[in-house]
Protein backbone atom coordinates (compact mmCIF):
# COMPACT_ATOMS: atom_id res chain seq x y z
CA UNK A 1 0.00 0.00 0.00
CA UNK A 2 1.24 3.50 -0.82
CA UNK A 3 2.42 5.25 2.32
CA UNK A 4 1.30 8.71 1.23
CA UNK A 5 -2.31 7.80 0.46
CA UNK A 6 -4.75 9.30 2.99
CA UNK A 7 -7.10 6.84 4.66
CA UNK A 8 -10.20 8.45 3.21
CA UNK A 9 -8.96 7.68 -0.31
CA UNK A 10 -9.33 3.99 0.43
CA UNK A 11 -13.03 4.51 1.10
CA UNK A 12 -13.37 6.63 -2.06
CA UNK A 13 -11.79 3.90 -4.20
CA UNK A 14 -13.91 1.21 -2.52
CA UNK A 15 -17.12 3.21 -2.99
CA UNK A 16 -16.32 3.98 -6.63
CA UNK A 17 -15.57 0.35 -7.33
CA UNK A 18 -18.82 -0.79 -5.76
CA UNK A 19 -20.69 1.74 -7.91
CA UNK A 20 -18.70 0.58 -10.92
CA UNK A 21 -19.60 -3.03 -10.16
CA UNK A 22 -23.33 -2.22 -10.11
CA UNK A 23 -23.04 -0.21 -13.35
CA UNK A 24 -21.32 -3.10 -15.16
CA UNK A 25 -23.90 -5.54 -13.77
CA UNK A 26 -26.75 -3.28 -14.95
CA UNK A 27 -25.27 -3.13 -18.45
CA UNK A 28 -24.83 -6.90 -18.38
CA UNK A 29 -28.45 -7.40 -17.37
CA UNK A 30 -29.56 -4.95 -20.08
CA UNK A 31 -27.66 -7.02 -22.60
CA UNK A 32 -29.31 -10.28 -21.55
CA UNK A 33 -32.09 -9.70 -24.09
CA UNK A 34 -29.46 -9.95 -26.84
CA UNK A 35 -27.94 -13.15 -25.47
CA UNK A 36 -30.74 -15.67 -25.97
CA UNK A 37 -29.16 -16.89 -29.22
CA UNK A 38 -25.62 -18.00 -30.01
CA UNK A 39 -25.23 -15.18 -32.55
CA UNK A 40 -26.40 -12.60 -30.02
CA UNK A 41 -24.17 -13.94 -27.23
CA UNK A 42 -21.00 -14.07 -29.35
CA UNK A 43 -21.30 -10.95 -31.57
CA UNK A 44 -24.41 -8.84 -30.71
CA UNK A 45 -24.36 -8.03 -34.43
CA UNK A 46 -25.99 -4.68 -35.25
CA UNK A 47 -26.98 -3.97 -31.63
CA UNK A 48 -24.15 -1.53 -30.82
CA UNK A 49 -23.04 1.67 -32.60
CA UNK A 50 -19.92 1.17 -34.76
CA UNK A 51 -18.30 4.13 -32.96
CA UNK A 52 -18.72 2.32 -29.65
CA UNK A 53 -17.43 -0.90 -31.24
CA UNK A 54 -14.36 1.07 -32.42
CA UNK A 55 -13.78 2.44 -28.93
CA UNK A 56 -14.21 -1.11 -27.63
CA UNK A 57 -11.55 -2.34 -30.09
CA UNK A 58 -9.06 0.29 -28.88
CA UNK A 59 -9.79 -0.38 -25.21
CA UNK A 60 -9.45 -4.13 -25.67
CA UNK A 61 -6.22 -3.67 -27.62
CA UNK A 62 -4.71 -1.53 -24.86
CA UNK A 63 -5.52 -3.65 -21.80
CA UNK A 64 -3.45 -3.62 -18.65
CA UNK A 65 -0.43 -4.15 -20.91
CA UNK A 66 -0.41 -0.52 -22.13
CA UNK A 67 -1.59 0.97 -18.84
CA UNK A 68 0.62 -0.88 -16.34
CA UNK A 69 2.84 -3.46 -18.09
CA UNK A 70 4.46 -1.32 -20.81
CA UNK A 71 4.86 1.75 -18.52
CA UNK A 72 6.52 -0.72 -16.14
CA UNK A 73 8.93 -1.71 -18.90
CA UNK A 74 9.50 2.00 -19.63
CA UNK A 75 10.35 2.43 -15.94
CA UNK A 76 12.94 -0.36 -16.30
CA UNK A 77 14.34 0.24 -19.79
CA UNK A 78 13.55 3.87 -20.60
CA UNK A 79 12.82 5.49 -23.94
CA UNK A 80 13.59 2.38 -26.02
CA UNK A 81 10.11 1.15 -25.02
CA UNK A 82 8.62 3.95 -27.15
CA UNK A 83 9.27 1.74 -30.17
CA UNK A 84 6.56 -0.55 -28.83
CA UNK A 85 3.98 2.12 -28.06
CA UNK A 86 4.47 4.03 -31.31
CA UNK A 87 4.07 0.80 -33.22
CA UNK A 88 0.79 0.10 -31.42
CA UNK A 89 -0.86 2.90 -33.32
CA UNK A 90 1.39 3.36 -36.35
CA UNK A 91 1.63 -0.29 -37.33
CA UNK A 92 -1.40 -1.95 -35.78
CA UNK A 93 -3.91 0.63 -36.99
CA UNK A 94 -2.53 0.46 -40.54
CA UNK A 95 -2.99 -3.31 -40.38
CA UNK A 96 -6.58 -2.79 -39.26
CA UNK A 97 -7.22 -0.38 -42.14
CA UNK A 98 -5.83 -2.91 -44.63
CA UNK A 99 -7.56 -5.99 -43.29
CA UNK A 100 -10.90 -4.99 -41.74
CA UNK A 101 -12.99 -4.67 -44.90
CA UNK A 102 -11.92 -7.95 -46.46
CA UNK A 103 -12.31 -9.83 -43.19
CA UNK A 104 -15.85 -8.47 -42.76
CA UNK A 105 -16.78 -9.09 -46.41
CA UNK A 106 -15.66 -12.69 -46.31
CA UNK A 107 -17.53 -13.30 -43.06
CA UNK A 108 -20.70 -12.04 -44.75
CA UNK A 109 -20.03 -14.17 -47.81
CA UNK A 110 -19.75 -17.22 -45.54
CA UNK A 111 -23.04 -16.48 -43.82
CA UNK A 112 -21.91 -14.16 -41.01
CA UNK A 113 -19.48 -16.36 -39.11
CA UNK A 114 -19.29 -15.85 -35.35
CA UNK A 115 -15.59 -16.36 -34.52
CA UNK A 116 -12.13 -16.26 -36.09
CA UNK A 117 -11.72 -20.07 -35.93
CA UNK A 118 -15.00 -20.44 -37.82
CA UNK A 119 -13.81 -17.83 -40.36
CA UNK A 120 -10.66 -19.86 -41.00
CA UNK A 121 -12.60 -23.12 -41.03
CA UNK A 122 -14.94 -21.78 -43.72
CA UNK A 123 -12.11 -20.20 -45.74
CA UNK A 124 -10.12 -23.45 -45.89
CA UNK A 125 -13.13 -25.79 -45.74
CA UNK A 126 -11.57 -27.55 -42.75
CA UNK A 127 -13.29 -28.40 -39.48
CA UNK A 128 -9.93 -29.68 -38.20
CA UNK A 129 -8.37 -26.25 -38.66
CA UNK A 130 -11.35 -24.61 -36.93
CA UNK A 131 -10.94 -26.84 -33.86
CA UNK A 132 -7.16 -26.42 -33.75
CA UNK A 133 -7.41 -22.61 -33.84
CA UNK A 134 -10.02 -22.76 -31.06
CA UNK A 135 -7.62 -24.84 -28.96
CA UNK A 136 -4.83 -22.38 -29.71
CA UNK A 137 -6.99 -19.56 -28.35
CA UNK A 138 -6.75 -21.23 -24.94
CA UNK A 139 -3.32 -19.57 -24.70
CA UNK A 140 -5.36 -16.46 -23.90
CA UNK A 141 -5.79 -17.88 -20.41
CA UNK A 142 -2.32 -16.44 -19.71
CA UNK A 143 -3.44 -13.13 -21.17
CA UNK A 144 -6.37 -13.08 -18.74
CA UNK A 145 -4.00 -13.96 -15.90
CA UNK A 146 -2.02 -10.84 -16.78
CA UNK A 147 -5.16 -8.71 -16.54
CA UNK A 148 -6.13 -10.28 -13.20
CA UNK A 149 -2.67 -9.64 -11.79
CA UNK A 150 -2.87 -6.03 -12.95
CA UNK A 151 -6.14 -5.39 -11.14
CA UNK A 152 -4.93 -7.15 -8.00
CA UNK A 153 -1.75 -5.04 -8.11
CA UNK A 154 -3.86 -1.87 -8.23
CA UNK A 155 -5.88 -2.89 -5.18
CA UNK A 156 -2.76 -4.02 -3.34
CA UNK A 157 -0.84 -0.83 -4.14
CA UNK A 158 -3.61 1.70 -3.50
CA UNK A 159 -5.73 0.32 -0.67
CA UNK A 160 -3.60 -2.46 0.77
CA UNK A 161 -6.01 -5.24 -0.21
CA UNK A 162 -4.39 -8.69 -0.10
CA UNK A 163 -3.28 -9.83 -3.54
CA UNK A 164 -5.44 -12.98 -3.51
CA UNK A 165 -8.60 -10.96 -2.72
CA UNK A 166 -7.91 -8.71 -5.69
CA UNK A 167 -7.62 -11.74 -7.96
CA UNK A 168 -10.99 -13.10 -6.77
CA UNK A 169 -12.67 -9.72 -7.38
CA UNK A 170 -11.09 -9.41 -10.84
CA UNK A 171 -12.45 -12.80 -11.91
CA UNK A 172 -15.91 -12.53 -10.35
CA UNK A 173 -16.95 -9.10 -11.64
CA UNK A 174 -16.02 -9.87 -15.25
CA UNK A 175 -17.64 -13.30 -15.34
CA UNK A 176 -20.83 -11.88 -13.87
CA UNK A 177 -21.55 -9.21 -16.45
CA UNK A 178 -20.31 -11.25 -19.42
CA UNK A 179 -22.42 -14.20 -18.28
CA UNK A 180 -25.45 -11.91 -18.12
CA UNK A 181 -25.02 -9.84 -21.26
CA UNK A 182 -22.55 -11.60 -23.58
CA UNK A 183 -21.15 -9.58 -26.47
CA UNK A 184 -23.56 -6.66 -25.95
CA UNK A 185 -22.33 -6.11 -22.39
CA UNK A 186 -18.72 -6.55 -23.47
CA UNK A 187 -18.95 -4.05 -26.37
CA UNK A 188 -20.85 -1.35 -24.47
CA UNK A 189 -18.74 -1.55 -21.30
CA UNK A 190 -15.52 -1.59 -23.32
CA UNK A 191 -16.66 1.43 -25.33
CA UNK A 192 -17.32 3.43 -22.17
CA UNK A 193 -14.05 2.21 -20.67
CA UNK A 194 -12.15 3.22 -23.82
CA UNK A 195 -13.34 6.83 -23.48
CA UNK A 196 -12.36 6.85 -19.80
CA UNK A 197 -8.93 5.45 -20.70
CA UNK A 198 -8.39 8.21 -23.28
CA UNK A 199 -9.15 10.92 -20.71
CA UNK A 200 -6.79 9.28 -18.19
CA UNK A 201 -3.98 9.09 -20.77
CA UNK A 202 -4.33 12.76 -21.70
CA UNK A 203 -4.21 13.83 -18.05
CA UNK A 204 -1.10 11.71 -17.38
CA UNK A 205 0.60 13.34 -20.37
CA UNK A 206 -0.31 16.88 -19.27
CA UNK A 207 0.79 16.23 -15.68
CA UNK A 208 4.40 15.75 -16.78
CA UNK A 209 4.68 19.52 -17.29
CA UNK A 210 4.01 20.28 -13.62
CA UNK A 211 5.66 17.21 -12.10
CA UNK A 212 8.87 17.13 -14.16
CA UNK A 213 8.88 20.44 -16.07
CA UNK A 214 9.41 19.56 -19.73
CA UNK A 215 10.73 16.70 -21.84
CA UNK A 216 14.26 18.06 -21.83
CA UNK A 217 14.27 17.94 -18.03
CA UNK A 218 12.74 14.45 -18.12
CA UNK A 219 15.54 13.25 -20.43
CA UNK A 220 18.21 14.77 -18.18
CA UNK A 221 16.76 13.15 -15.05
CA UNK A 222 16.54 9.75 -16.72
CA UNK A 223 20.13 10.02 -17.95
CA UNK A 224 21.30 10.86 -14.43
CA UNK A 225 19.65 7.68 -13.13
CA UNK A 226 21.07 5.47 -15.92
CA UNK A 227 22.39 6.58 -19.36
CA UNK A 228 20.84 3.48 -20.93
CA UNK A 229 17.37 4.88 -20.13
CA UNK A 230 17.64 7.55 -22.85
CA UNK A 231 19.07 5.32 -25.60
CA UNK A 232 16.94 4.42 -28.62
CA UNK A 233 18.33 0.89 -28.35
CA UNK A 234 18.83 -0.22 -24.76
CA UNK A 235 21.49 -2.93 -24.59
CA UNK A 236 21.20 -3.44 -20.83
CA UNK A 237 20.80 -7.02 -19.61
CA UNK A 238 17.20 -8.23 -19.88
CA UNK A 239 16.05 -5.46 -22.20
CA UNK A 240 13.67 -6.74 -24.90
CA UNK A 241 14.63 -3.73 -27.07
CA UNK A 242 18.35 -4.52 -27.24
CA UNK A 243 18.92 -4.47 -31.02
CA UNK A 244 17.55 -3.06 -34.25
CA UNK A 245 16.42 -6.55 -35.22
CA UNK A 246 14.48 -6.89 -31.94
CA UNK A 247 12.78 -3.53 -32.59
CA UNK A 248 11.88 -4.66 -36.13
CA UNK A 249 10.45 -7.85 -34.63
CA UNK A 250 8.31 -5.72 -32.28
CA UNK A 251 6.79 -3.91 -35.26
CA UNK A 252 6.15 -7.26 -36.95
CA UNK A 253 4.38 -8.47 -33.81
CA UNK A 254 2.24 -5.33 -33.61
CA UNK A 255 1.16 -5.72 -37.24
CA UNK A 256 0.05 -9.24 -36.40
CA UNK A 257 -1.56 -8.28 -33.11
CA UNK A 258 -4.76 -7.10 -34.81
CA UNK A 259 -5.19 -10.72 -35.94
CA UNK A 260 -5.82 -11.76 -32.34
CA UNK A 261 -9.21 -13.52 -32.17
CA UNK A 262 -10.68 -11.29 -29.44
CA UNK A 263 -9.92 -8.23 -31.61
CA UNK A 264 -11.05 -9.55 -34.99
CA UNK A 265 -14.31 -10.63 -33.37
CA UNK A 266 -15.15 -6.93 -32.97
CA UNK A 267 -15.37 -6.63 -36.75
CA UNK A 268 -17.87 -9.49 -36.79
CA UNK A 269 -20.15 -7.34 -34.60
CA UNK A 270 -20.65 -4.79 -37.41
CA UNK A 271 -23.93 -5.17 -39.24
CA UNK A 272 -23.18 -3.52 -42.60
CA UNK A 273 -20.26 -2.36 -44.72
CA UNK A 274 -21.04 1.32 -44.04
CA UNK A 275 -20.24 0.66 -40.35
CA UNK A 276 -16.59 -0.05 -41.20
CA UNK A 277 -15.55 3.59 -41.67
CA UNK A 278 -16.77 4.96 -38.30
CA UNK A 279 -15.45 1.80 -36.61
CA UNK A 280 -11.95 2.23 -38.05
CA UNK A 281 -11.82 5.99 -37.37
CA UNK A 282 -13.07 5.62 -33.79
CA UNK A 283 -10.64 2.81 -33.00
CA UNK A 284 -7.73 4.73 -34.56
CA UNK A 285 -8.31 7.97 -32.66
CA UNK A 286 -8.66 6.35 -29.24
CA UNK A 287 -5.84 3.88 -29.89
CA UNK A 288 -3.51 6.76 -30.75
CA UNK A 289 -4.24 8.51 -27.46
CA UNK A 290 -4.03 5.53 -25.14
CA UNK A 291 -1.06 3.84 -26.81
CA UNK A 292 1.30 6.81 -27.02
CA UNK A 293 0.62 8.89 -23.89
CA UNK A 294 0.35 6.47 -20.96
CA UNK A 295 3.87 5.11 -21.34
CA UNK A 296 5.27 8.59 -20.64
CA UNK A 297 3.97 8.20 -17.09
CA UNK A 298 6.33 5.24 -16.66
CA UNK A 299 9.28 7.41 -17.72
CA UNK A 300 8.18 10.23 -15.40
CA UNK A 301 7.84 7.73 -12.55
CA UNK A 302 11.45 6.57 -13.01
CA UNK A 303 12.62 10.19 -12.89
CA UNK A 304 10.52 10.89 -9.77
CA UNK A 305 11.23 7.74 -7.70
CA UNK A 306 13.98 5.64 -9.31
CA UNK A 307 14.18 2.78 -6.80
CA UNK A 308 10.84 0.98 -6.93
CA UNK A 309 11.16 -2.76 -6.27
CA UNK A 310 8.16 -3.57 -8.49
CA UNK A 311 8.17 -1.70 -11.81
CA UNK A 312 4.51 -2.56 -12.41
CA UNK A 313 3.62 -0.18 -9.58
CA UNK A 314 5.09 2.81 -11.45
CA UNK A 315 1.80 4.21 -12.78
CA UNK A 316 -0.21 3.94 -9.52
CA UNK A 317 2.68 5.60 -7.69
CA UNK A 318 2.93 8.33 -10.30
CA UNK A 319 -0.79 9.16 -10.22
CA UNK A 320 -0.62 9.93 -6.51
CA UNK A 321 2.57 11.93 -7.07
CA UNK A 322 1.03 14.03 -9.85
CA UNK A 323 -2.55 14.55 -8.65
CA UNK A 324 -4.52 15.26 -5.51
CA UNK A 325 -5.35 11.91 -3.86
CA UNK A 326 -9.08 12.23 -4.58
CA UNK A 327 -8.46 12.99 -8.26
CA UNK A 328 -5.84 10.24 -8.46
CA UNK A 329 -8.39 7.80 -7.05
CA UNK A 330 -10.73 8.74 -9.91
CA UNK A 331 -7.97 8.22 -12.47
CA UNK A 332 -7.25 4.79 -11.05
CA UNK A 333 -10.51 3.79 -12.71
CA UNK A 334 -8.95 4.57 -16.06
CA UNK A 335 -6.51 1.77 -15.30
CA UNK A 336 -9.26 -0.50 -14.00
CA UNK A 337 -11.13 0.20 -17.25
CA UNK A 338 -8.07 -0.87 -19.23
CA UNK A 339 -7.94 -4.12 -17.32
CA UNK A 340 -11.61 -5.06 -17.53
CA UNK A 341 -11.95 -4.01 -21.18
CA UNK A 342 -9.55 -6.73 -22.28
CA UNK A 343 -10.48 -9.34 -19.73
CA UNK A 344 -14.12 -9.44 -20.78
CA UNK A 345 -13.21 -9.73 -24.49
CA UNK A 346 -10.78 -12.53 -23.75
CA UNK A 347 -13.30 -14.47 -21.67
CA UNK A 348 -15.94 -14.05 -24.36
CA UNK A 349 -13.50 -15.06 -27.11
CA UNK A 350 -12.40 -18.22 -25.31
CA UNK A 351 -15.87 -19.36 -24.27
CA UNK A 352 -17.40 -18.56 -27.67
CA UNK A 353 -14.76 -20.72 -29.32
CA UNK A 354 -15.25 -23.54 -26.83
CA UNK A 355 -18.94 -23.57 -27.74
CA UNK A 356 -19.01 -22.57 -31.41
CA UNK A 357 -15.72 -24.04 -32.65
CA UNK A 358 -15.23 -27.13 -30.50
CA UNK A 359 -18.54 -28.38 -29.11
CA UNK A 360 -20.65 -27.41 -32.15
CA UNK A 361 -18.19 -29.10 -34.51
CA UNK A 362 -17.59 -32.25 -32.45
CA UNK A 363 -21.08 -32.88 -30.98
CA UNK A 364 -22.76 -34.08 -34.23
CA UNK A 365 -20.22 -36.90 -34.49
CA UNK A 366 -21.41 -38.29 -31.15
CA UNK A 367 -25.12 -37.52 -31.48
CA UNK A 368 -26.24 -37.67 -35.08
CA UNK A 369 -29.90 -37.09 -34.19
CA UNK A 370 -29.45 -33.51 -32.96
CA UNK A 371 -31.54 -31.00 -34.89
CA UNK A 372 -29.96 -27.66 -35.85
CA UNK A 373 -32.07 -25.87 -33.24
CA UNK A 374 -31.06 -28.31 -30.49
CA UNK A 375 -27.40 -28.04 -31.46
CA UNK A 376 -27.59 -24.23 -31.43
CA UNK A 377 -29.18 -24.15 -27.97
CA UNK A 378 -26.74 -26.65 -26.52
CA UNK A 379 -23.82 -24.72 -28.00
CA UNK A 380 -25.09 -21.54 -26.34
CA UNK A 381 -25.31 -23.33 -22.98
CA UNK A 382 -21.78 -24.75 -23.38
CA UNK A 383 -20.44 -21.27 -24.15
CA UNK A 384 -22.10 -19.77 -21.07
CA UNK A 385 -21.23 -22.61 -18.68
CA UNK A 386 -17.62 -22.77 -19.85
CA UNK A 387 -17.25 -19.15 -18.73
CA UNK A 388 -17.41 -20.34 -15.13
CA UNK A 389 -14.80 -23.07 -15.61
CA UNK A 390 -12.40 -20.83 -17.53
CA UNK A 391 -12.79 -18.29 -14.73
CA UNK A 392 -11.76 -20.90 -12.14
CA UNK A 393 -8.70 -21.84 -14.19
CA UNK A 394 -7.56 -18.23 -14.53
CA UNK A 395 -8.21 -17.69 -10.82
CA UNK A 396 -5.96 -20.61 -9.90
CA UNK A 397 -3.14 -19.62 -12.27
CA UNK A 398 -3.32 -15.93 -11.26
CA UNK A 399 -2.59 -16.67 -7.59
CA UNK A 400 1.10 -17.12 -8.45
CA UNK A 401 2.21 -13.59 -9.36
CA UNK A 402 4.43 -13.44 -12.51
CA UNK A 403 7.73 -11.55 -12.51
CA UNK A 404 6.70 -9.23 -15.37
CA UNK A 405 3.11 -8.44 -16.24
CA UNK A 406 3.93 -7.20 -19.73
CA UNK A 407 6.17 -10.12 -20.68
CA UNK A 408 3.54 -12.67 -19.55
CA UNK A 409 0.88 -10.98 -21.67
CA UNK A 410 3.17 -10.67 -24.65
CA UNK A 411 4.13 -14.36 -24.39
CA UNK A 412 0.48 -15.41 -24.56
CA UNK A 413 -0.48 -13.42 -27.62
CA UNK A 414 2.84 -14.07 -29.40
CA UNK A 415 2.14 -17.80 -29.19
CA UNK A 416 -1.23 -17.27 -30.90
CA UNK A 417 0.07 -14.84 -33.53
CA UNK A 418 2.89 -17.25 -34.45
CA UNK A 419 0.27 -19.84 -35.33
CA UNK A 420 -2.49 -17.82 -37.02
CA UNK A 421 -0.66 -15.09 -38.93
CA UNK A 422 0.27 -17.18 -41.98
CA UNK A 423 -3.17 -18.85 -42.41
CA UNK A 424 -4.98 -15.50 -42.08
CA UNK A 425 -2.73 -13.31 -44.25
CA UNK A 426 -2.28 -15.92 -46.98
CA UNK A 427 -6.05 -16.44 -46.98
CA UNK A 428 -6.33 -12.75 -47.88
CA UNK A 429 -3.68 -12.50 -50.56
CA UNK A 430 -3.03 -15.95 -52.06
CA UNK A 431 -5.68 -17.96 -53.81
CA UNK A 432 -3.61 -21.15 -53.65
CA UNK A 433 -3.43 -21.20 -49.83
CA UNK A 434 -4.40 -24.76 -48.88
CA UNK A 435 -5.94 -26.24 -45.75
CA UNK A 436 -3.14 -28.77 -45.17
CA UNK A 437 -0.61 -25.97 -45.38
CA UNK A 438 -2.69 -23.89 -42.96
CA UNK A 439 -2.90 -26.74 -40.42
CA UNK A 440 0.83 -27.47 -40.62
CA UNK A 441 1.61 -23.76 -40.40
CA UNK A 442 -0.53 -23.34 -37.28
CA UNK A 443 1.19 -26.22 -35.50
CA UNK A 444 4.69 -25.23 -36.65
CA UNK A 445 4.45 -21.58 -35.64
CA UNK A 446 3.11 -22.13 -32.14
CA UNK A 447 5.25 -25.19 -31.39
CA UNK A 448 8.44 -23.42 -32.45
CA UNK A 449 7.56 -20.33 -30.42
CA UNK A 450 7.01 -22.38 -27.29
CA UNK A 451 10.24 -24.30 -27.96
CA UNK A 452 12.32 -21.15 -28.50
CA UNK A 453 11.04 -19.35 -25.42
CA UNK A 454 11.02 -22.30 -23.01
CA UNK A 455 14.45 -23.68 -23.92
CA UNK A 456 16.21 -20.33 -24.23
CA UNK A 457 17.29 -21.03 -27.82
CA UNK A 458 15.99 -17.53 -28.63
CA UNK A 459 15.61 -15.60 -25.39
CA UNK A 460 14.10 -12.40 -26.80
CA UNK A 461 10.33 -13.04 -27.06
CA UNK A 462 9.98 -10.76 -30.09
CA UNK A 463 12.76 -12.46 -32.05
CA UNK A 464 11.32 -15.86 -31.07
CA UNK A 465 7.95 -14.83 -32.50
CA UNK A 466 9.54 -13.47 -35.68
CA UNK A 467 11.53 -16.65 -36.30
CA UNK A 468 8.63 -19.01 -35.59
CA UNK A 469 6.23 -16.99 -37.74
CA UNK A 470 8.64 -16.93 -40.69
CA UNK A 471 8.97 -20.71 -40.34
CA UNK A 472 5.16 -21.06 -40.32
CA UNK A 473 4.89 -19.02 -43.53
CA UNK A 474 7.55 -21.20 -45.20
CA UNK A 475 5.81 -24.43 -44.15
CA UNK A 476 2.42 -23.22 -45.36
CA UNK A 477 3.70 -22.04 -48.73
CA UNK A 478 5.64 -25.27 -49.36
CA UNK A 479 2.76 -27.56 -48.38
CA UNK A 480 0.23 -25.50 -50.32
CA UNK A 481 2.38 -25.79 -53.46
CA UNK A 482 2.78 -29.52 -52.79
CA UNK A 483 -1.01 -29.92 -52.43
CA UNK A 484 -1.57 -27.90 -55.62
CA UNK A 485 0.99 -30.01 -57.51
CA UNK A 486 -0.61 -33.23 -56.25
CA UNK A 487 -4.07 -32.04 -57.28
CA UNK A 488 -2.84 -31.11 -60.77
CA UNK A 489 -1.08 -34.44 -61.13
CA UNK A 490 -4.18 -36.33 -60.06
CA UNK A 491 -6.29 -34.34 -62.49
CA UNK A 492 -3.92 -35.11 -65.39
CA UNK A 493 -3.92 -38.82 -64.56
CA UNK A 494 -7.71 -38.77 -64.44
CA UNK A 495 -7.91 -37.14 -67.90
CA UNK A 496 -5.35 -39.55 -69.39
CA UNK A 497 -7.20 -42.58 -68.02
């Protein structure tokens, strides 16, 4: 708990959070009318304004990673971390602009698919690929753990709540309103949270001028603490931004990050093509604000108090340094918004895939007498009930605090990106992309990433993702050409016979 926080602030934070809990629950209950069907529970298609969906995309993208994790890395490694945050908007938003329309158009062509695994399954005409991608999405459990740890860290730092209690609260509140309202609750709450996050980011940026003075002074103070903190490439031990190649790999990762299932699912919530423009503009504006400004608070925190034992506490500490305790308590909810806005999307993405992409695909093989209506209703129940079990798993894993919040989160989504980038991008741009190549690519990319990072063969997580993704592209292209050659050969033999 922060020593300089007045006792009354604890009651303010507790009261605000209770009010916040009831607001989220009310929105969840309001969304229950949209969640009686599988389509409504997973996408809430056409029920939410595209501007709100865009804000939801930006808020989900940011998560606790950009509000606590990355500022924590900035506290440790200085200005080199700006390569990551600038790429979040500059690279990721460009990728969204390039890919959103075609992804939406193909989903409509396939009959309005509900999830990314289903999109890939339809594109490659492969139920096996659909199930494998759904299983791969289970890596997002670690992503959720990162969010839970972030919220627990906030409660522990600000009001002295035991870490385990914070974890329980983080899991329970999200599961409650997602279980009630499904995609509608997730989109609306994330949209509101995205706006709150933008305001918080702007205020953190402005505060630097009265806490530090100006950016020249900030640079001088950082250099006096450690000269490596003001280098564009930080070669200090443990730095993930220790070479130009590592920085290039970061940009590659951020281009692929928009392919994460819980983000692409936002596009599936849009009802018509005319919704794409306001969605993309809204997501871009808010993403720019929250991805580029918040990290500066981590740099200012290092200049203000350079000896924190836990770098992930940099932003909470800085807020109470820069603002009156009451106002800082209000801004803490910008961070809480960042945490919940990703957690709910991740829970919904995982449980939707468990229902739609695993149970719905596998169940007919075991019960051939199921009607389409019965299968749809059972799939909806599986999706909702699995929310509880996934919540218990994340609760258990979260109790063991990770060393670095940001690196845990980035490990989880890098494992997914390594597997899905080649099948998705080649589906867009190459008509000869083949299902066997896609399946082999998925397995190769993720398996190599896990091998590289767990054995230490490639210690830098960004370089590990780059290498494994390149390998997955090579495998997919080779096997797709082999499948095409085999098909042509078979066709010739058939004609000759």
